[in-house]
Amino acid sequence: HLIEPMGFQINEKQVKRAGLDYWDKLDYTVYESYPDFLARNPGAKIY
């Protein structure tokens, strides 16, 4: 789960290079903000 703002765009070469050929297998979600994350994951047990 990635919460914006981020210091890069998710499609940047550096991200894909670091994740190698695994990025297309990644289950990920991008959120506009921390409140957006909380709203979309109600009751989440967060450490």
ModelCIF file with pLDDT and N, C-alpha, C, O atoms, coordinates in Angstrom:
data_MODEL
#
_entry.id   MODEL 
#
_entity.id                         1 
_entity.type                       polymer 
_entity.pdbx_number_of_molecules   1 
#
_entity_poly.entity_id                      1 
_entity_poly.type                           'polypeptide(L)' 
_entity_poly.nstd_linkage                   no 
_entity_poly.nstd_monomer                   no 
_entity_poly.pdbx_seq_one_letter_code       HLIEPMGFQINEKQVKRAGLDYWDKLDYTVYESYPDFLARNPGAKIY 
_entity_poly.pdbx_seq_one_letter_code_can   HLIEPMGFQINEKQVKRAGLDYWDKLDYTVYESYPDFLARNPGAKIY 
_entity_poly.pdbx_strand_id                 A 
#
loop_
_entity_poly_seq.entity_id 
_entity_poly_seq.num 
_entity_poly_seq.mon_id 
_entity_poly_seq.hetero 
1 1  HIS n 
1 2  LEU n 
1 3  ILE n 
1 4  GLU n 
1 5  PRO n 
1 6  MET n 
1 7  GLY n 
1 8  PHE n 
1 9  GLN n 
1 10 ILE n 
1 11 ASN n 
1 12 GLU n 
1 13 LYS n 
1 14 GLN n 
1 15 VAL n 
1 16 LYS n 
1 17 ARG n 
1 18 ALA n 
1 19 GLY n 
1 20 LEU n 
1 21 ASP n 
1 22 TYR n 
1 23 TRP n 
1 24 ASP n 
1 25 LYS n 
1 26 LEU n 
1 27 ASP n 
1 28 TYR n 
1 29 THR n 
1 30 VAL n 
1 31 TYR n 
1 32 GLU n 
1 33 SER n 
1 34 TYR n 
1 35 PRO n 
1 36 ASP n 
1 37 PHE n 
1 38 LEU n 
1 39 ALA n 
1 40 ARG n 
1 41 ASN n 
1 42 PRO n 
1 43 GLY n 
1 44 ALA n 
1 45 LYS n 
1 46 ILE n 
1 47 TYR n 
#
_struct_asym.id          A 
_struct_asym.entity_id   1 
#
loop_
_ma_qa_metric.id 
_ma_qa_metric.mode 
_ma_qa_metric.name 
_ma_qa_metric.software_group_id 
_ma_qa_metric.type 
1 global pLDDT . pLDDT 
2 local  pLDDT . pLDDT 
#
_ma_qa_metric_global.metric_id      1 
_ma_qa_metric_global.metric_value   87.09 
_ma_qa_metric_global.model_id       1 
_ma_qa_metric_global.ordinal_id     1 
#
loop_
_ma_qa_metric_local.label_asym_id 
_ma_qa_metric_local.label_comp_id 
_ma_qa_metric_local.label_seq_id 
_ma_qa_metric_local.metric_id 
_ma_qa_metric_local.metric_value 
_ma_qa_metric_local.model_id 
_ma_qa_metric_local.ordinal_id 
A HIS 1  2 98.00 1 1  
A LEU 2  2 97.00 1 2  
A ILE 3  2 98.00 1 3  
A GLU 4  2 97.00 1 4  
A PRO 5  2 97.00 1 5  
A MET 6  2 94.00 1 6  
A GLY 7  2 92.00 1 7  
A PHE 8  2 83.00 1 8  
A GLN 9  2 82.00 1 9  
A ILE 10 2 79.00 1 10 
A ASN 11 2 71.00 1 11 
A GLU 12 2 63.00 1 12 
A LYS 13 2 69.00 1 13 
A GLN 14 2 68.00 1 14 
A VAL 15 2 67.00 1 15 
A LYS 16 2 65.00 1 16 
A ARG 17 2 66.00 1 17 
A ALA 18 2 64.00 1 18 
A GLY 19 2 57.00 1 19 
A LEU 20 2 58.00 1 20 
A ASP 21 2 68.00 1 21 
A TYR 22 2 79.00 1 22 
A TRP 23 2 78.00 1 23 
A ASP 24 2 83.00 1 24 
A LYS 25 2 90.00 1 25 
A LEU 26 2 91.00 1 26 
A ASP 27 2 95.00 1 27 
A TYR 28 2 94.00 1 28 
A THR 29 2 96.00 1 29 
A VAL 30 2 95.00 1 30 
A TYR 31 2 98.00 1 31 
A GLU 32 2 97.00 1 32 
A SER 33 2 98.00 1 33 
A TYR 34 2 98.00 1 34 
A PRO 35 2 98.00 1 35 
A ASP 36 2 98.00 1 36 
A PHE 37 2 98.00 1 37 
A LEU 38 2 98.00 1 38 
A ALA 39 2 98.00 1 39 
A ARG 40 2 98.00 1 40 
A ASN 41 2 98.00 1 41 
A PRO 42 2 97.00 1 42 
A GLY 43 2 95.00 1 43 
A ALA 44 2 97.00 1 44 
A LYS 45 2 97.00 1 45 
A ILE 46 2 98.00 1 46 
A TYR 47 2 98.00 1 47 
#
loop_
_atom_site.group_PDB 
_atom_site.id 
_atom_site.type_symbol 
_atom_site.label_atom_id 
_atom_site.label_alt_id 
_atom_site.label_comp_id 
_atom_site.label_asym_id 
_atom_site.label_entity_id 
_atom_site.label_seq_id 
_atom_site.pdbx_PDB_ins_code 
_atom_site.Cartn_x 
_atom_site.Cartn_y 
_atom_site.Cartn_z 
_atom_site.occupancy 
_atom_site.B_iso_or_equiv 
_atom_site.pdbx_formal_charge 
_atom_site.auth_seq_id 
_atom_site.auth_comp_id 
_atom_site.auth_asym_id 
_atom_site.auth_atom_id 
_atom_site.pdbx_PDB_model_num 
ATOM 1   N N  . HIS A 1 1  ? 0.866   -1.174 0.000   1.00 98.00 ? 1  HIS A N  1 
ATOM 2   C CA . HIS A 1 1  ? 0.000   0.000  0.000   1.00 98.00 ? 1  HIS A CA 1 
ATOM 3   C C  . HIS A 1 1  ? 0.906   1.229  0.000   1.00 98.00 ? 1  HIS A C  1 
ATOM 4   O O  . HIS A 1 1  ? 1.729   1.395  0.901   1.00 98.00 ? 1  HIS A O  1 
ATOM 5   N N  . LEU A 1 2  ? 0.760   2.080  -0.994  1.00 97.00 ? 2  LEU A N  1 
ATOM 6   C CA . LEU A 1 2  ? 1.609   3.264  -1.156  1.00 97.00 ? 2  LEU A CA 1 
ATOM 7   C C  . LEU A 1 2  ? 0.765   4.515  -0.941  1.00 97.00 ? 2  LEU A C  1 
ATOM 8   O O  . LEU A 1 2  ? -0.238  4.722  -1.624  1.00 97.00 ? 2  LEU A O  1 
ATOM 9   N N  . ILE A 1 3  ? 1.179   5.349  0.013   1.00 98.00 ? 3  ILE A N  1 
ATOM 10  C CA . ILE A 1 3  ? 0.425   6.552  0.341   1.00 98.00 ? 3  ILE A CA 1 
ATOM 11  C C  . ILE A 1 3  ? 1.160   7.782  -0.186  1.00 98.00 ? 3  ILE A C  1 
ATOM 12  O O  . ILE A 1 3  ? 2.315   8.034  0.159   1.00 98.00 ? 3  ILE A O  1 
ATOM 13  N N  . GLU A 1 4  ? 0.467   8.532  -1.023  1.00 97.00 ? 4  GLU A N  1 
ATOM 14  C CA . GLU A 1 4  ? 1.029   9.757  -1.595  1.00 97.00 ? 4  GLU A CA 1 
ATOM 15  C C  . GLU A 1 4  ? 1.006   10.890 -0.569  1.00 97.00 ? 4  GLU A C  1 
ATOM 16  O O  . GLU A 1 4  ? 0.261   10.828 0.410   1.00 97.00 ? 4  GLU A O  1 
ATOM 17  N N  . PRO A 1 5  ? 1.835   11.943 -0.795  1.00 97.00 ? 5  PRO A N  1 
ATOM 18  C CA . PRO A 1 5  ? 2.711   12.109 -1.958  1.00 97.00 ? 5  PRO A CA 1 
ATOM 19  C C  . PRO A 1 5  ? 3.975   11.260 -1.867  1.00 97.00 ? 5  PRO A C  1 
ATOM 20  O O  . PRO A 1 5  ? 4.519   11.030 -0.787  1.00 97.00 ? 5  PRO A O  1 
ATOM 21  N N  . MET A 1 6  ? 4.427   10.800 -3.044  1.00 94.00 ? 6  MET A N  1 
ATOM 22  C CA . MET A 1 6  ? 5.657   10.019 -3.124  1.00 94.00 ? 6  MET A CA 1 
ATOM 23  C C  . MET A 1 6  ? 6.722   10.861 -3.824  1.00 94.00 ? 6  MET A C  1 
ATOM 24  O O  . MET A 1 6  ? 6.402   11.802 -4.551  1.00 94.00 ? 6  MET A O  1 
ATOM 25  N N  . GLY A 1 7  ? 7.964   10.523 -3.604  1.00 92.00 ? 7  GLY A N  1 
ATOM 26  C CA . GLY A 1 7  ? 9.070   11.273 -4.197  1.00 92.00 ? 7  GLY A CA 1 
ATOM 27  C C  . GLY A 1 7  ? 9.397   10.846 -5.614  1.00 92.00 ? 7  GLY A C  1 
ATOM 28  O O  . GLY A 1 7  ? 10.475  11.161 -6.117  1.00 92.00 ? 7  GLY A O  1 
ATOM 29  N N  . PHE A 1 8  ? 8.479   10.128 -6.277  1.00 83.00 ? 8  PHE A N  1 
ATOM 30  C CA . PHE A 1 8  ? 8.718   9.589  -7.617  1.00 83.00 ? 8  PHE A CA 1 
ATOM 31  C C  . PHE A 1 8  ? 7.386   9.156  -8.190  1.00 83.00 ? 8  PHE A C  1 
ATOM 32  O O  . PHE A 1 8  ? 6.378   9.104  -7.486  1.00 83.00 ? 8  PHE A O  1 
ATOM 33  N N  . GLN A 1 9  ? 7.394   8.845  -9.472  1.00 82.00 ? 9  GLN A N  1 
ATOM 34  C CA . GLN A 1 9  ? 6.215   8.272  -10.119 1.00 82.00 ? 9  GLN A CA 1 
ATOM 35  C C  . GLN A 1 9  ? 6.359   6.754  -10.115 1.00 82.00 ? 9  GLN A C  1 
ATOM 36  O O  . GLN A 1 9  ? 7.465   6.231  -10.250 1.00 82.00 ? 9  GLN A O  1 
ATOM 37  N N  . ILE A 1 10 ? 5.264   6.064  -9.964  1.00 79.00 ? 10 ILE A N  1 
ATOM 38  C CA . ILE A 1 10 ? 5.293   4.610  -9.831  1.00 79.00 ? 10 ILE A CA 1 
ATOM 39  C C  . ILE A 1 10 ? 5.830   3.920  -11.080 1.00 79.00 ? 10 ILE A C  1 
ATOM 40  O O  . ILE A 1 10 ? 6.292   2.782  -10.997 1.00 79.00 ? 10 ILE A O  1 
ATOM 41  N N  . ASN A 1 11 ? 5.781   4.570  -12.218 1.00 71.00 ? 11 ASN A N  1 
ATOM 42  C CA . ASN A 1 11 ? 6.256   3.933  -13.443 1.00 71.00 ? 11 ASN A CA 1 
ATOM 43  C C  . ASN A 1 11 ? 7.715   4.252  -13.760 1.00 71.00 ? 11 ASN A C  1 
ATOM 44  O O  . ASN A 1 11 ? 8.213   3.881  -14.823 1.00 71.00 ? 11 ASN A O  1 
ATOM 45  N N  . GLU A 1 12 ? 8.397   4.931  -12.852 1.00 63.00 ? 12 GLU A N  1 
ATOM 46  C CA . GLU A 1 12 ? 9.788   5.290  -13.113 1.00 63.00 ? 12 GLU A CA 1 
ATOM 47  C C  . GLU A 1 12 ? 10.652  4.052  -13.306 1.00 63.00 ? 12 GLU A C  1 
ATOM 48  O O  . GLU A 1 12 ? 10.441  3.018  -12.672 1.00 63.00 ? 12 GLU A O  1 
ATOM 49  N N  . LYS A 1 13 ? 11.611  4.181  -14.180 1.00 69.00 ? 13 LYS A N  1 
ATOM 50  C CA . LYS A 1 13 ? 12.531  3.073  -14.465 1.00 69.00 ? 13 LYS A CA 1 
ATOM 51  C C  . LYS A 1 13 ? 13.212  2.551  -13.203 1.00 69.00 ? 13 LYS A C  1 
ATOM 52  O O  . LYS A 1 13 ? 13.404  1.345  -13.054 1.00 69.00 ? 13 LYS A O  1 
ATOM 53  N N  . GLN A 1 14 ? 13.577  3.461  -12.292 1.00 68.00 ? 14 GLN A N  1 
ATOM 54  C CA . GLN A 1 14 ? 14.300  3.045  -11.084 1.00 68.00 ? 14 GLN A CA 1 
ATOM 55  C C  . GLN A 1 14 ? 13.481  2.074  -10.242 1.00 68.00 ? 14 GLN A C  1 
ATOM 56  O O  . GLN A 1 14 ? 14.022  1.113  -9.693  1.00 68.00 ? 14 GLN A O  1 
ATOM 57  N N  . VAL A 1 15 ? 12.167  2.324  -10.138 1.00 67.00 ? 15 VAL A N  1 
ATOM 58  C CA . VAL A 1 15 ? 11.312  1.436  -9.349  1.00 67.00 ? 15 VAL A CA 1 
ATOM 59  C C  . VAL A 1 15 ? 11.270  0.075  -10.004 1.00 67.00 ? 15 VAL A C  1 
ATOM 60  O O  . VAL A 1 15 ? 11.440  -0.947 -9.338  1.00 67.00 ? 15 VAL A O  1 
ATOM 61  N N  . LYS A 1 16 ? 11.045  0.055  -11.297 1.00 65.00 ? 16 LYS A N  1 
ATOM 62  C CA . LYS A 1 16 ? 10.959  -1.216 -12.010 1.00 65.00 ? 16 LYS A CA 1 
ATOM 63  C C  . LYS A 1 16 ? 12.301  -1.943 -11.981 1.00 65.00 ? 16 LYS A C  1 
ATOM 64  O O  . LYS A 1 16 ? 12.341  -3.167 -11.860 1.00 65.00 ? 16 LYS A O  1 
ATOM 65  N N  . ARG A 1 17 ? 13.394  -1.198 -12.092 1.00 66.00 ? 17 ARG A N  1 
ATOM 66  C CA . ARG A 1 17 ? 14.712  -1.826 -12.061 1.00 66.00 ? 17 ARG A CA 1 
ATOM 67  C C  . ARG A 1 17 ? 14.957  -2.464 -10.706 1.00 66.00 ? 17 ARG A C  1 
ATOM 68  O O  . ARG A 1 17 ? 15.464  -3.583 -10.633 1.00 66.00 ? 17 ARG A O  1 
ATOM 69  N N  . ALA A 1 18 ? 14.604  -1.765 -9.624  1.00 64.00 ? 18 ALA A N  1 
ATOM 70  C CA . ALA A 1 18 ? 14.817  -2.316 -8.285  1.00 64.00 ? 18 ALA A CA 1 
ATOM 71  C C  . ALA A 1 18 ? 13.915  -3.516 -8.026  1.00 64.00 ? 18 ALA A C  1 
ATOM 72  O O  . ALA A 1 18 ? 14.304  -4.441 -7.313  1.00 64.00 ? 18 ALA A O  1 
ATOM 73  N N  . GLY A 1 19 ? 12.711  -3.510 -8.599  1.00 57.00 ? 19 GLY A N  1 
ATOM 74  C CA . GLY A 1 19 ? 11.800  -4.634 -8.420  1.00 57.00 ? 19 GLY A CA 1 
ATOM 75  C C  . GLY A 1 19 ? 12.032  -5.713 -9.449  1.00 57.00 ? 19 GLY A C  1 
ATOM 76  O O  . GLY A 1 19 ? 11.413  -6.776 -9.399  1.00 57.00 ? 19 GLY A O  1 
ATOM 77  N N  . LEU A 1 20 ? 12.931  -5.437 -10.390 1.00 58.00 ? 20 LEU A N  1 
ATOM 78  C CA . LEU A 1 20 ? 13.265  -6.343 -11.474 1.00 58.00 ? 20 LEU A CA 1 
ATOM 79  C C  . LEU A 1 20 ? 12.011  -6.789 -12.216 1.00 58.00 ? 20 LEU A C  1 
ATOM 80  O O  . LEU A 1 20 ? 11.126  -5.973 -12.475 1.00 58.00 ? 20 LEU A O  1 
ATOM 81  N N  . ASP A 1 21 ? 11.922  -8.044 -12.553 1.00 68.00 ? 21 ASP A N  1 
ATOM 82  C CA . ASP A 1 21 ? 10.785  -8.505 -13.350 1.00 68.00 ? 21 ASP A CA 1 
ATOM 83  C C  . ASP A 1 21 ? 9.591   -8.901 -12.478 1.00 68.00 ? 21 ASP A C  1 
ATOM 84  O O  . ASP A 1 21 ? 8.657   -9.545 -12.955 1.00 68.00 ? 21 ASP A O  1 
ATOM 85  N N  . TYR A 1 22 ? 9.625   -8.516 -11.209 1.00 79.00 ? 22 TYR A N  1 
ATOM 86  C CA . TYR A 1 22 ? 8.558   -8.901 -10.295 1.00 79.00 ? 22 TYR A CA 1 
ATOM 87  C C  . TYR A 1 22 ? 7.440   -7.860 -10.202 1.00 79.00 ? 22 TYR A C  1 
ATOM 88  O O  . TYR A 1 22 ? 6.358   -8.176 -9.706  1.00 79.00 ? 22 TYR A O  1 
ATOM 89  N N  . TRP A 1 23 ? 7.666   -6.649 -10.656 1.00 78.00 ? 23 TRP A N  1 
ATOM 90  C CA . TRP A 1 23 ? 6.725   -5.554 -10.422 1.00 78.00 ? 23 TRP A CA 1 
ATOM 91  C C  . TRP A 1 23 ? 5.329   -5.872 -10.971 1.00 78.00 ? 23 TRP A C  1 
ATOM 92  O O  . TRP A 1 23 ? 4.331   -5.491 -10.359 1.00 78.00 ? 23 TRP A O  1 
ATOM 93  N N  . ASP A 1 24 ? 5.244   -6.561 -12.112 1.00 83.00 ? 24 ASP A N  1 
ATOM 94  C CA . ASP A 1 24 ? 3.938   -6.890 -12.688 1.00 83.00 ? 24 ASP A CA 1 
ATOM 95  C C  . ASP A 1 24 ? 3.185   -7.938 -11.869 1.00 83.00 ? 24 ASP A C  1 
ATOM 96  O O  . ASP A 1 24 ? 1.983   -8.123 -12.062 1.00 83.00 ? 24 ASP A O  1 
ATOM 97  N N  . LYS A 1 25 ? 3.874   -8.622 -10.963 1.00 90.00 ? 25 LYS A N  1 
ATOM 98  C CA . LYS A 1 25 ? 3.237   -9.628 -10.108 1.00 90.00 ? 25 LYS A CA 1 
ATOM 99  C C  . LYS A 1 25 ? 2.834   -9.045 -8.751  1.00 90.00 ? 25 LYS A C  1 
ATOM 100 O O  . LYS A 1 25 ? 2.245   -9.738 -7.922  1.00 90.00 ? 25 LYS A O  1 
ATOM 101 N N  . LEU A 1 26 ? 3.154   -7.777 -8.534  1.00 91.00 ? 26 LEU A N  1 
ATOM 102 C CA . LEU A 1 26 ? 2.921   -7.129 -7.248  1.00 91.00 ? 26 LEU A CA 1 
ATOM 103 C C  . LEU A 1 26 ? 1.468   -6.695 -7.102  1.00 91.00 ? 26 LEU A C  1 
ATOM 104 O O  . LEU A 1 26 ? 0.908   -6.063 -7.998  1.00 91.00 ? 26 LEU A O  1 
ATOM 105 N N  . ASP A 1 27 ? 0.863   -7.038 -5.968  1.00 95.00 ? 27 ASP A N  1 
ATOM 106 C CA . ASP A 1 27 ? -0.475  -6.588 -5.613  1.00 95.00 ? 27 ASP A CA 1 
ATOM 107 C C  . ASP A 1 27 ? -0.298  -5.280 -4.838  1.00 95.00 ? 27 ASP A C  1 
ATOM 108 O O  . ASP A 1 27 ? 0.069   -5.301 -3.663  1.00 95.00 ? 27 ASP A O  1 
ATOM 109 N N  . TYR A 1 28 ? -0.557  -4.144 -5.491  1.00 94.00 ? 28 TYR A N  1 
ATOM 110 C CA . TYR A 1 28 ? -0.357  -2.869 -4.802  1.00 94.00 ? 28 TYR A CA 1 
ATOM 111 C C  . TYR A 1 28 ? -1.505  -1.903 -5.066  1.00 94.00 ? 28 TYR A C  1 
ATOM 112 O O  . TYR A 1 28 ? -2.208  -1.994 -6.072  1.00 94.00 ? 28 TYR A O  1 
ATOM 113 N N  . THR A 1 29 ? -1.667  -0.976 -4.128  1.00 96.00 ? 29 THR A N  1 
ATOM 114 C CA . THR A 1 29 ? -2.681  0.067  -4.215  1.00 96.00 ? 29 THR A CA 1 
ATOM 115 C C  . THR A 1 29 ? -2.022  1.388  -3.858  1.00 96.00 ? 29 THR A C  1 
ATOM 116 O O  . THR A 1 29 ? -1.179  1.445  -2.963  1.00 96.00 ? 29 THR A O  1 
ATOM 117 N N  . VAL A 1 30 ? -2.404  2.449  -4.554  1.00 95.00 ? 30 VAL A N  1 
ATOM 118 C CA . VAL A 1 30 ? -1.901  3.784  -4.270  1.00 95.00 ? 30 VAL A CA 1 
ATOM 119 C C  . VAL A 1 30 ? -3.047  4.614  -3.683  1.00 95.00 ? 30 VAL A C  1 
ATOM 120 O O  . VAL A 1 30 ? -4.173  4.576  -4.180  1.00 95.00 ? 30 VAL A O  1 
ATOM 121 N N  . TYR A 1 31 ? -2.748  5.354  -2.634  1.00 98.00 ? 31 TYR A N  1 
ATOM 122 C CA . TYR A 1 31 ? -3.733  6.186  -1.945  1.00 98.00 ? 31 TYR A CA 1 
ATOM 123 C C  . TYR A 1 31 ? -3.334  7.649  -2.042  1.00 98.00 ? 31 TYR A C  1 
ATOM 124 O O  . TYR A 1 31 ? -2.147  7.974  -2.077  1.00 98.00 ? 31 TYR A O  1 
ATOM 125 N N  . GLU A 1 32 ? -4.327  8.535  -2.085  1.00 97.00 ? 32 GLU A N  1 
ATOM 126 C CA . GLU A 1 32 ? -4.072  9.980  -2.192  1.00 97.00 ? 32 GLU A CA 1 
ATOM 127 C C  . GLU A 1 32 ? -3.452  10.550 -0.919  1.00 97.00 ? 32 GLU A C  1 
ATOM 128 O O  . GLU A 1 32 ? -2.685  11.512 -0.970  1.00 97.00 ? 32 GLU A O  1 
ATOM 129 N N  . SER A 1 33 ? -3.793  9.942  0.238   1.00 98.00 ? 33 SER A N  1 
ATOM 130 C CA . SER A 1 33 ? -3.354  10.495 1.518   1.00 98.00 ? 33 SER A CA 1 
ATOM 131 C C  . SER A 1 33 ? -3.537  9.440  2.607   1.00 98.00 ? 33 SER A C  1 
ATOM 132 O O  . SER A 1 33 ? -4.133  8.389  2.372   1.00 98.00 ? 33 SER A O  1 
ATOM 133 N N  . TYR A 1 34 ? -3.025  9.727  3.783   1.00 98.00 ? 34 TYR A N  1 
ATOM 134 C CA . TYR A 1 34 ? -3.217  8.835  4.923   1.00 98.00 ? 34 TYR A CA 1 
ATOM 135 C C  . TYR A 1 34 ? -4.707  8.696  5.278   1.00 98.00 ? 34 TYR A C  1 
ATOM 136 O O  . TYR A 1 34 ? -5.160  7.580  5.530   1.00 98.00 ? 34 TYR A O  1 
ATOM 137 N N  . PRO A 1 35 ? -5.488  9.801  5.307   1.00 98.00 ? 35 PRO A N  1 
ATOM 138 C CA . PRO A 1 35 ? -6.928  9.640  5.553   1.00 98.00 ? 35 PRO A CA 1 
ATOM 139 C C  . PRO A 1 35 ? -7.615  8.775  4.482   1.00 98.00 ? 35 PRO A C  1 
ATOM 140 O O  . PRO A 1 35 ? -8.530  8.016  4.801   1.00 98.00 ? 35 PRO A O  1 
ATOM 141 N N  . ASP A 1 36 ? -7.189  8.880  3.237   1.00 98.00 ? 36 ASP A N  1 
ATOM 142 C CA . ASP A 1 36 ? -7.741  8.039  2.167   1.00 98.00 ? 36 ASP A CA 1 
ATOM 143 C C  . ASP A 1 36 ? -7.428  6.569  2.451   1.00 98.00 ? 36 ASP A C  1 
ATOM 144 O O  . ASP A 1 36 ? -8.292  5.708  2.283   1.00 98.00 ? 36 ASP A O  1 
ATOM 145 N N  . PHE A 1 37 ? -6.204  6.279  2.878   1.00 98.00 ? 37 PHE A N  1 
ATOM 146 C CA . PHE A 1 37 ? -5.822  4.906  3.231   1.00 98.00 ? 37 PHE A CA 1 
ATOM 147 C C  . PHE A 1 37 ? -6.712  4.372  4.357   1.00 98.00 ? 37 PHE A C  1 
ATOM 148 O O  . PHE A 1 37 ? -7.224  3.256  4.265   1.00 98.00 ? 37 PHE A O  1 
ATOM 149 N N  . LEU A 1 38 ? -6.898  5.166  5.422   1.00 98.00 ? 38 LEU A N  1 
ATOM 150 C CA . LEU A 1 38 ? -7.728  4.732  6.547   1.00 98.00 ? 38 LEU A CA 1 
ATOM 151 C C  . LEU A 1 38 ? -9.175  4.494  6.111   1.00 98.00 ? 38 LEU A C  1 
ATOM 152 O O  . LEU A 1 38 ? -9.802  3.521  6.530   1.00 98.00 ? 38 LEU A O  1 
ATOM 153 N N  . ALA A 1 39 ? -9.695  5.378  5.276   1.00 98.00 ? 39 ALA A N  1 
ATOM 154 C CA . ALA A 1 39 ? -11.087 5.250  4.816   1.00 98.00 ? 39 ALA A CA 1 
ATOM 155 C C  . ALA A 1 39 ? -11.284 3.995  3.972   1.00 98.00 ? 39 ALA A C  1 
ATOM 156 O O  . ALA A 1 39 ? -12.336 3.359  4.042   1.00 98.00 ? 39 ALA A O  1 
ATOM 157 N N  . ARG A 1 40 ? -10.287 3.638  3.181   1.00 98.00 ? 40 ARG A N  1 
ATOM 158 C CA . ARG A 1 40 ? -10.408 2.488  2.281   1.00 98.00 ? 40 ARG A CA 1 
ATOM 159 C C  . ARG A 1 40 ? -10.008 1.164  2.928   1.00 98.00 ? 40 ARG A C  1 
ATOM 160 O O  . ARG A 1 40 ? -10.146 0.105  2.316   1.00 98.00 ? 40 ARG A O  1 
ATOM 161 N N  . ASN A 1 41 ? -9.515  1.224  4.162   1.00 98.00 ? 41 ASN A N  1 
ATOM 162 C CA . ASN A 1 41 ? -9.144  0.016  4.907   1.00 98.00 ? 41 ASN A CA 1 
ATOM 163 C C  . ASN A 1 41 ? -9.709  0.094  6.331   1.00 98.00 ? 41 ASN A C  1 
ATOM 164 O O  . ASN A 1 41 ? -8.954  0.079  7.303   1.00 98.00 ? 41 ASN A O  1 
ATOM 165 N N  . PRO A 1 42 ? -11.036 0.177  6.449   1.00 97.00 ? 42 PRO A N  1 
ATOM 166 C CA . PRO A 1 42 ? -11.644 0.342  7.776   1.00 97.00 ? 42 PRO A CA 1 
ATOM 167 C C  . PRO A 1 42 ? -11.343 -0.849 8.684   1.00 97.00 ? 42 PRO A C  1 
ATOM 168 O O  . PRO A 1 42 ? -11.390 -2.003 8.258   1.00 97.00 ? 42 PRO A O  1 
ATOM 169 N N  . GLY A 1 43 ? -11.035 -0.545 9.934   1.00 95.00 ? 43 GLY A N  1 
ATOM 170 C CA . GLY A 1 43 ? -10.767 -1.609 10.908  1.00 95.00 ? 43 GLY A CA 1 
ATOM 171 C C  . GLY A 1 43 ? -9.422  -2.280 10.758  1.00 95.00 ? 43 GLY A C  1 
ATOM 172 O O  . GLY A 1 43 ? -9.169  -3.296 11.405  1.00 95.00 ? 43 GLY A O  1 
ATOM 173 N N  . ALA A 1 44 ? -8.555  -1.740 9.924   1.00 97.00 ? 44 ALA A N  1 
ATOM 174 C CA . ALA A 1 44 ? -7.237  -2.352 9.719   1.00 97.00 ? 44 ALA A CA 1 
ATOM 175 C C  . ALA A 1 44 ? -6.433  -2.336 11.016  1.00 97.00 ? 44 ALA A C  1 
ATOM 176 O O  . ALA A 1 44 ? -6.375  -1.320 11.709  1.00 97.00 ? 44 ALA A O  1 
ATOM 177 N N  . LYS A 1 45 ? -5.816  -3.466 11.337  1.00 97.00 ? 45 LYS A N  1 
ATOM 178 C CA . LYS A 1 45 ? -4.922  -3.543 12.497  1.00 97.00 ? 45 LYS A CA 1 
ATOM 179 C C  . LYS A 1 45 ? -3.536  -3.126 12.004  1.00 97.00 ? 45 LYS A C  1 
ATOM 180 O O  . LYS A 1 45 ? -2.879  -3.876 11.283  1.00 97.00 ? 45 LYS A O  1 
ATOM 181 N N  . ILE A 1 46 ? -3.096  -1.932 12.394  1.00 98.00 ? 46 ILE A N  1 
ATOM 182 C CA . ILE A 1 46 ? -1.864  -1.345 11.859  1.00 98.00 ? 46 ILE A CA 1 
ATOM 183 C C  . ILE A 1 46 ? -0.777  -1.315 12.930  1.00 98.00 ? 46 ILE A C  1 
ATOM 184 O O  . ILE A 1 46 ? -0.990  -0.814 14.034  1.00 98.00 ? 46 ILE A O  1 
ATOM 185 N N  . TYR A 1 47 ? 0.379   -1.855 12.589  1.00 98.00 ? 47 TYR A N  1 
ATOM 186 C CA . TYR A 1 47 ? 1.571   -1.751 13.423  1.00 98.00 ? 47 TYR A CA 1 
ATOM 187 C C  . TYR A 1 47 ? 2.501   -0.768 12.736  1.00 98.00 ? 47 TYR A C  1 
ATOM 188 O O  . TYR A 1 47 ? 3.592   -0.496 13.238  1.00 98.00 ? 47 TYR A O  1 
#
